[in-house]
N, C-alpha and C. Protein backbone atom coordinates (compact mmCIF):
# COMPACT_ATOMS: atom_id res chain seq x y z
N MET A 1 160.66 87.63 132.14
CA MET A 1 159.51 88.47 132.32
C MET A 1 158.82 88.07 133.61
N THR A 2 158.46 89.04 134.40
CA THR A 2 157.79 88.74 135.65
C THR A 2 156.29 88.77 135.44
N ALA A 3 155.58 88.37 136.45
CA ALA A 3 154.12 88.35 136.33
C ALA A 3 153.57 89.76 136.22
N GLY A 4 154.15 90.70 136.94
CA GLY A 4 153.69 92.09 136.87
C GLY A 4 153.95 92.71 135.52
N THR A 5 155.08 92.37 134.93
CA THR A 5 155.40 92.92 133.62
C THR A 5 154.49 92.33 132.56
N ALA A 6 154.17 91.06 132.69
CA ALA A 6 153.28 90.42 131.72
C ALA A 6 151.89 91.02 131.80
N LEU A 7 151.43 91.28 133.00
CA LEU A 7 150.11 91.89 133.13
C LEU A 7 150.10 93.32 132.59
N ALA A 8 151.19 94.02 132.76
CA ALA A 8 151.26 95.39 132.25
C ALA A 8 151.30 95.39 130.74
N GLN A 9 151.96 94.39 130.14
CA GLN A 9 152.02 94.33 128.70
C GLN A 9 150.68 93.93 128.10
N THR A 10 149.94 93.08 128.77
CA THR A 10 148.62 92.70 128.25
C THR A 10 147.63 93.83 128.42
N GLY A 11 147.87 94.67 129.39
CA GLY A 11 147.02 95.84 129.55
C GLY A 11 145.85 95.64 130.46
N THR A 12 145.68 94.47 131.02
CA THR A 12 144.47 94.24 131.80
C THR A 12 144.43 95.06 133.09
N PRO A 13 145.31 94.86 134.08
CA PRO A 13 145.18 95.66 135.29
C PRO A 13 145.59 97.11 135.08
N ALA A 14 146.66 97.32 134.31
CA ALA A 14 147.13 98.69 134.12
C ALA A 14 146.12 99.51 133.31
N ALA A 15 145.53 98.89 132.30
CA ALA A 15 144.56 99.60 131.48
C ALA A 15 143.32 99.95 132.27
N SER A 16 142.88 99.02 133.11
CA SER A 16 141.68 99.32 133.91
C SER A 16 141.98 100.42 134.91
N ASN A 17 143.17 100.44 135.46
CA ASN A 17 143.55 101.49 136.39
C ASN A 17 143.61 102.83 135.66
N ASN A 18 144.16 102.81 134.45
CA ASN A 18 144.27 104.03 133.66
C ASN A 18 142.88 104.55 133.28
N LEU A 19 141.99 103.66 132.90
CA LEU A 19 140.61 104.06 132.58
C LEU A 19 139.90 104.64 133.79
N GLY A 20 140.16 104.05 134.94
CA GLY A 20 139.55 104.57 136.16
C GLY A 20 140.01 105.98 136.45
N GLN A 21 141.29 106.25 136.21
CA GLN A 21 141.79 107.60 136.43
C GLN A 21 141.21 108.58 135.40
N GLN A 22 141.08 108.12 134.17
CA GLN A 22 140.50 108.99 133.15
C GLN A 22 139.04 109.30 133.45
N ASN A 23 138.32 108.29 133.93
CA ASN A 23 136.93 108.52 134.30
C ASN A 23 136.82 109.51 135.46
N ALA A 24 137.71 109.38 136.41
CA ALA A 24 137.68 110.30 137.55
C ALA A 24 137.96 111.72 137.09
N VAL A 25 138.95 111.88 136.21
CA VAL A 25 139.27 113.22 135.70
C VAL A 25 138.10 113.75 134.87
N SER A 26 137.52 112.88 134.05
CA SER A 26 136.39 113.29 133.22
C SER A 26 135.20 113.71 134.07
N ASN A 27 134.94 112.94 135.13
CA ASN A 27 133.83 113.29 136.03
C ASN A 27 134.08 114.63 136.72
N GLN A 28 135.32 114.85 137.13
CA GLN A 28 135.63 116.13 137.77
C GLN A 28 135.45 117.28 136.80
N GLN A 29 135.87 117.07 135.56
CA GLN A 29 135.73 118.13 134.57
C GLN A 29 134.27 118.41 134.26
N SER A 30 133.47 117.36 134.12
CA SER A 30 132.06 117.57 133.80
C SER A 30 131.33 118.25 134.95
N HIS A 31 131.68 117.87 136.19
CA HIS A 31 131.04 118.52 137.32
C HIS A 31 131.45 119.99 137.42
N SER A 32 132.72 120.26 137.16
CA SER A 32 133.16 121.65 137.21
C SER A 32 132.55 122.44 136.06
N GLN A 33 132.37 121.80 134.91
CA GLN A 33 131.73 122.47 133.79
C GLN A 33 130.26 122.72 134.08
N LEU A 34 129.61 121.78 134.75
CA LEU A 34 128.22 122.00 135.14
C LEU A 34 128.12 123.15 136.12
N GLY A 35 129.09 123.26 137.00
CA GLY A 35 129.08 124.36 137.95
C GLY A 35 129.21 125.70 137.27
N VAL A 36 129.90 125.75 136.15
CA VAL A 36 130.05 126.98 135.39
C VAL A 36 128.86 127.18 134.46
N ALA A 37 128.34 126.08 133.91
CA ALA A 37 127.26 126.18 132.94
C ALA A 37 125.95 126.62 133.57
N ALA A 38 125.69 126.25 134.80
CA ALA A 38 124.42 126.61 135.43
C ALA A 38 124.28 128.13 135.59
N PRO A 39 125.27 128.82 136.14
CA PRO A 39 125.14 130.29 136.20
C PRO A 39 125.10 130.93 134.82
N ASN A 40 125.84 130.35 133.87
CA ASN A 40 125.81 130.90 132.51
C ASN A 40 124.42 130.78 131.91
N ALA A 41 123.76 129.65 132.13
CA ALA A 41 122.40 129.48 131.62
C ALA A 41 121.45 130.46 132.30
N GLU A 42 121.62 130.65 133.59
CA GLU A 42 120.75 131.59 134.31
C GLU A 42 120.97 133.01 133.81
N LEU A 43 122.22 133.38 133.58
CA LEU A 43 122.50 134.72 133.06
C LEU A 43 121.97 134.88 131.64
N SER A 44 122.05 133.81 130.87
CA SER A 44 121.51 133.86 129.51
C SER A 44 120.01 134.07 129.53
N HIS A 45 119.32 133.37 130.42
CA HIS A 45 117.87 133.54 130.54
C HIS A 45 117.53 134.93 131.05
N ALA A 46 118.32 135.44 131.98
CA ALA A 46 118.07 136.78 132.50
C ALA A 46 118.25 137.83 131.41
N ALA A 47 119.27 137.67 130.58
CA ALA A 47 119.48 138.61 129.48
C ALA A 47 118.35 138.52 128.46
N HIS A 48 117.90 137.30 128.19
CA HIS A 48 116.79 137.12 127.25
C HIS A 48 115.52 137.77 127.79
N ASN A 49 115.25 137.57 129.07
CA ASN A 49 114.06 138.17 129.68
C ASN A 49 114.15 139.69 129.67
N ALA A 50 115.33 140.23 129.93
CA ALA A 50 115.50 141.68 129.92
C ALA A 50 115.29 142.25 128.52
N THR A 51 115.80 141.56 127.52
CA THR A 51 115.62 142.01 126.14
C THR A 51 114.15 141.97 125.76
N ASN A 52 113.48 140.89 126.11
CA ASN A 52 112.06 140.76 125.80
C ASN A 52 111.26 141.84 126.51
N GLY A 53 111.56 142.10 127.77
CA GLY A 53 110.86 143.15 128.50
C GLY A 53 111.09 144.52 127.90
N GLN A 54 112.30 144.79 127.43
CA GLN A 54 112.60 146.08 126.81
C GLN A 54 111.82 146.23 125.51
N GLN A 55 111.72 145.17 124.73
CA GLN A 55 110.96 145.23 123.48
C GLN A 55 109.49 145.48 123.75
N GLN A 56 108.95 144.83 124.77
CA GLN A 56 107.54 145.05 125.13
C GLN A 56 107.33 146.50 125.57
N ARG A 57 108.26 147.03 126.36
CA ARG A 57 108.13 148.41 126.84
C ARG A 57 108.24 149.39 125.68
N ASN A 58 109.13 149.12 124.72
CA ASN A 58 109.26 150.00 123.56
C ASN A 58 107.96 150.05 122.77
N THR A 59 107.28 148.92 122.65
CA THR A 59 106.01 148.88 121.93
C THR A 59 104.97 149.73 122.64
N VAL A 60 104.89 149.61 123.96
CA VAL A 60 103.93 150.39 124.73
C VAL A 60 104.27 151.88 124.66
N ASP A 61 105.56 152.21 124.76
CA ASP A 61 105.98 153.61 124.68
C ASP A 61 105.65 154.22 123.33
N GLN A 62 105.85 153.47 122.27
CA GLN A 62 105.56 153.99 120.94
C GLN A 62 104.05 154.19 120.77
N ALA A 63 103.26 153.26 121.27
CA ALA A 63 101.81 153.39 121.15
C ALA A 63 101.30 154.60 121.94
N SER A 64 101.83 154.80 123.15
CA SER A 64 101.36 155.93 123.95
C SER A 64 101.84 157.25 123.35
N THR A 65 103.03 157.28 122.76
CA THR A 65 103.50 158.49 122.10
C THR A 65 102.64 158.82 120.89
N THR A 66 102.32 157.81 120.10
CA THR A 66 101.46 158.02 118.93
C THR A 66 100.09 158.53 119.35
N GLN A 67 99.55 157.96 120.41
CA GLN A 67 98.24 158.39 120.88
C GLN A 67 98.31 159.83 121.40
N GLY A 68 99.37 160.17 122.11
CA GLY A 68 99.51 161.53 122.63
C GLY A 68 99.66 162.55 121.53
N VAL A 69 100.44 162.23 120.50
CA VAL A 69 100.61 163.16 119.37
C VAL A 69 99.29 163.31 118.63
N SER A 70 98.57 162.23 118.43
CA SER A 70 97.27 162.31 117.75
C SER A 70 96.30 163.16 118.55
N LEU A 71 96.33 163.02 119.85
CA LEU A 71 95.45 163.83 120.69
C LEU A 71 95.84 165.30 120.61
N GLY A 72 97.14 165.57 120.59
CA GLY A 72 97.60 166.96 120.50
C GLY A 72 97.22 167.61 119.20
N TYR A 73 97.36 166.89 118.09
CA TYR A 73 97.00 167.45 116.80
C TYR A 73 95.49 167.43 116.57
N GLY A 74 94.79 166.55 117.22
CA GLY A 74 93.36 166.42 116.98
C GLY A 74 92.51 167.39 117.78
N SER A 75 93.02 167.90 118.88
CA SER A 75 92.22 168.81 119.70
C SER A 75 92.35 170.23 119.18
N ASP A 76 91.25 170.95 119.18
CA ASP A 76 91.25 172.33 118.71
C ASP A 76 91.83 173.25 119.77
N THR A 77 92.46 174.30 119.30
CA THR A 77 92.98 175.31 120.21
C THR A 77 92.08 176.53 120.16
N SER A 78 92.32 177.46 121.05
CA SER A 78 91.49 178.67 121.06
C SER A 78 91.73 179.49 119.79
N ALA A 79 92.95 179.49 119.27
CA ALA A 79 93.22 180.22 118.03
C ALA A 79 92.46 179.60 116.87
N THR A 80 92.37 178.29 116.84
CA THR A 80 91.61 177.63 115.78
C THR A 80 90.13 177.98 115.89
N ALA A 81 89.62 178.01 117.10
CA ALA A 81 88.21 178.35 117.30
C ALA A 81 87.91 179.77 116.84
N VAL A 82 88.78 180.72 117.15
CA VAL A 82 88.58 182.11 116.73
C VAL A 82 88.64 182.21 115.21
N GLY A 83 89.60 181.53 114.60
CA GLY A 83 89.73 181.57 113.15
C GLY A 83 88.52 180.98 112.45
N ILE A 84 88.01 179.88 112.95
CA ILE A 84 86.81 179.26 112.36
C ILE A 84 85.61 180.17 112.52
N ALA A 85 85.48 180.81 113.67
CA ALA A 85 84.35 181.73 113.90
C ALA A 85 84.42 182.90 112.93
N GLN A 86 85.61 183.43 112.66
CA GLN A 86 85.74 184.54 111.71
C GLN A 86 85.40 184.10 110.30
N ILE A 87 85.80 182.90 109.92
CA ILE A 87 85.47 182.40 108.59
C ILE A 87 83.97 182.22 108.45
N LEU A 88 83.34 181.66 109.45
CA LEU A 88 81.90 181.45 109.38
C LEU A 88 81.15 182.77 109.39
N ASP A 89 81.62 183.75 110.16
CA ASP A 89 80.96 185.06 110.19
C ASP A 89 81.12 185.78 108.86
N ALA A 90 82.23 185.64 108.20
CA ALA A 90 82.46 186.33 106.93
C ALA A 90 81.59 185.76 105.82
N GLY A 91 81.25 184.51 105.91
CA GLY A 91 80.46 183.87 104.86
C GLY A 91 78.97 184.13 104.97
N GLN A 92 78.50 184.61 106.09
CA GLN A 92 77.06 184.84 106.27
C GLN A 92 76.73 186.31 106.04
N ALA A 93 75.60 186.54 105.44
CA ALA A 93 75.13 187.92 105.24
C ALA A 93 74.55 188.41 106.55
N LYS A 94 74.79 189.67 106.83
CA LYS A 94 74.25 190.24 108.05
C LYS A 94 72.75 190.47 107.87
N PRO A 95 71.97 190.13 108.86
CA PRO A 95 70.53 190.36 108.73
C PRO A 95 70.21 191.86 108.75
N ALA A 96 69.16 192.22 108.09
CA ALA A 96 68.75 193.63 108.03
C ALA A 96 68.26 194.08 109.40
N ASP A 97 68.47 195.32 109.67
CA ASP A 97 68.05 195.89 110.95
C ASP A 97 66.53 196.01 110.95
N LYS A 98 65.88 195.41 111.91
CA LYS A 98 64.41 195.40 111.95
C LYS A 98 63.85 196.82 112.15
N ASP A 99 64.50 197.58 112.96
CA ASP A 99 63.99 198.93 113.23
C ASP A 99 64.06 199.81 111.98
N SER A 100 65.13 199.70 111.24
CA SER A 100 65.25 200.54 110.06
C SER A 100 64.28 200.09 108.97
N ALA A 101 63.98 198.81 108.89
CA ALA A 101 63.04 198.33 107.87
C ALA A 101 61.62 198.77 108.19
N GLU A 102 61.27 198.82 109.44
CA GLU A 102 59.91 199.23 109.81
C GLU A 102 59.74 200.74 109.72
N ALA A 103 60.82 201.48 109.89
CA ALA A 103 60.71 202.94 109.89
C ALA A 103 60.52 203.48 108.48
N LYS A 104 60.99 202.76 107.47
CA LYS A 104 60.85 203.26 106.10
C LYS A 104 59.44 202.96 105.59
N PRO A 105 58.80 203.93 105.03
CA PRO A 105 57.47 203.67 104.46
C PRO A 105 57.58 202.93 103.14
N ARG A 106 56.62 202.11 102.86
CA ARG A 106 56.59 201.37 101.60
C ARG A 106 55.97 202.23 100.52
N PRO A 107 56.46 202.13 99.35
CA PRO A 107 55.83 202.93 98.28
C PRO A 107 54.55 202.34 97.78
């Protein structure tokens, strides 16, 4: 057995060299994963912000639609005004003609 073979069997220099290579590969993978993860996180935040903004806009749109419909149903139209005037006129007795009342003699 040679000195190099003995060291390889004990694992001291060869194992440290192997660990160094694994660390280098691991570091490269983590850095490349970070390079991919950063844009993914940014896109995730952008999608979240867009969804939140859409929900806020939907709330405002629904409130303004409700207010507009309420205003449309709540305001009177000219047809409603004419109909109410006719109902009110039909319910009141017509006053007596002053000229005809004065012209008739009292018994």
